[in-house]
Structure formats: C-alpha cells, structure tokens
Amino acid sequence: MDVFDQATELERLDRESALLRARAAIDREGPEIIDGVACCRECGDPIPLKRLEALPGVGLCRACQEEREDS
C-alpha cells in the first residue's frame, strides 16, 4: 500500500466516522410530535406505540430505520 492508498483509506474512514456521528446525533433527537402524536422524523408517519415502548425516544419508524441502516 503506497502513500496515496493510505491517504485514500484515511479519508474514507474519516468520512464514515463523520456520517456515524451525524446519524447518532439525529437518532438522539427523538420523534417529531404532530398533534400530540409521536411521528417519524423522516416520513412523518405515526410511530407505533409498541415501537415507542420497546425503544423509548426512538425518532424513526421501522421502515425509515431499516432504510437508513441499508444505506
């Protein structure tokens, strides 16, 4: 591995780290409250009560969370 490969790898790791920190900050915000209902911050759909009970403070519905984890 030469110097350019090392620099490219360090840049990739730094970018991934920044994305993980940004996602973690978003996840700590909790749901958006619309008309007294906890809703997903991505799509705006209500978050099911069972999900809220299982993961207190969750801010994304299951579909949006799965989409985020797949990307």
Protein backbone atom coordinates (compact mmCIF):
# COMPACT_ATOMS: atom_id res chain seq x y z
CA MET A 1 0.00 0.00 0.00
CA ASP A 2 1.56 3.29 -1.06
CA VAL A 3 1.09 6.76 0.42
CA PHE A 4 -1.82 7.59 -1.89
CA ASP A 5 -3.67 4.41 -0.96
CA GLN A 6 -3.13 5.16 2.73
CA ALA A 7 -4.42 8.71 2.30
CA THR A 8 -7.49 7.45 0.43
CA GLU A 9 -8.21 4.90 3.16
CA LEU A 10 -7.82 7.51 5.92
CA GLU A 11 -10.18 9.84 4.07
CA ARG A 12 -12.76 7.04 3.71
CA LEU A 13 -12.53 6.17 7.41
CA ASP A 14 -12.85 9.84 8.39
CA ARG A 15 -15.93 10.24 6.18
CA GLU A 16 -17.56 7.11 7.61
CA SER A 17 -16.85 8.30 11.15
CA ALA A 18 -18.41 11.70 10.43
CA LEU A 19 -21.52 10.06 8.99
CA LEU A 20 -21.88 7.79 12.02
CA ARG A 21 -21.58 10.75 14.39
CA ALA A 22 -24.17 12.71 12.41
CA ARG A 23 -26.59 9.79 12.37
CA ALA A 24 -26.13 9.22 16.11
CA ALA A 25 -26.90 12.89 16.79
CA ILE A 26 -30.08 12.68 14.73
CA ASP A 27 -31.19 9.47 16.48
CA ARG A 28 -30.91 11.15 19.89
CA GLU A 29 -33.46 13.80 18.95
CA GLY A 30 -36.47 11.54 19.41
CA PRO A 31 -39.71 11.62 17.46
CA GLU A 32 -41.41 14.65 15.99
CA ILE A 33 -44.65 15.39 17.83
CA ILE A 34 -47.53 16.21 15.47
CA ASP A 35 -50.91 16.95 17.04
CA GLY A 36 -49.78 15.13 20.19
CA VAL A 37 -48.70 12.00 18.28
CA ALA A 38 -45.11 10.76 18.09
CA CYS A 39 -44.20 10.70 14.40
CA CYS A 40 -41.21 9.65 12.35
CA ARG A 41 -38.79 12.49 11.63
CA GLU A 42 -38.16 11.14 8.11
CA CYS A 43 -41.60 10.33 6.68
CA GLY A 44 -43.95 11.91 9.23
CA ASP A 45 -45.98 8.73 9.79
CA PRO A 46 -47.03 7.92 13.36
CA ILE A 47 -44.62 5.62 15.20
CA PRO A 48 -46.48 2.59 16.58
CA LEU A 49 -46.88 2.53 20.37
CA LYS A 50 -45.20 -0.89 20.63
CA ARG A 51 -42.08 0.53 18.93
CA LEU A 52 -42.06 3.53 21.27
CA GLU A 53 -42.40 1.24 24.28
CA ALA A 54 -39.62 -1.06 23.07
CA LEU A 55 -37.28 1.81 22.11
CA PRO A 56 -38.10 4.88 24.22
CA GLY A 57 -37.17 8.09 22.45
CA VAL A 58 -36.89 6.49 19.02
CA GLY A 59 -37.27 9.09 16.25
CA LEU A 60 -37.77 6.94 13.17
CA CYS A 61 -40.41 4.43 12.14
CA ARG A 62 -39.24 0.90 11.41
CA ALA A 63 -39.24 1.35 7.62
CA CYS A 64 -37.15 4.54 7.74
CA GLN A 65 -34.75 3.00 10.26
CA GLU A 66 -34.25 -0.06 8.05
CA GLU A 67 -33.72 2.16 5.01
CA ARG A 68 -31.10 4.18 6.88
CA GLU A 69 -29.28 1.04 8.04
CA ASP A 70 -29.23 -0.36 4.49
CA SER A 71 -27.62 2.78 3.05
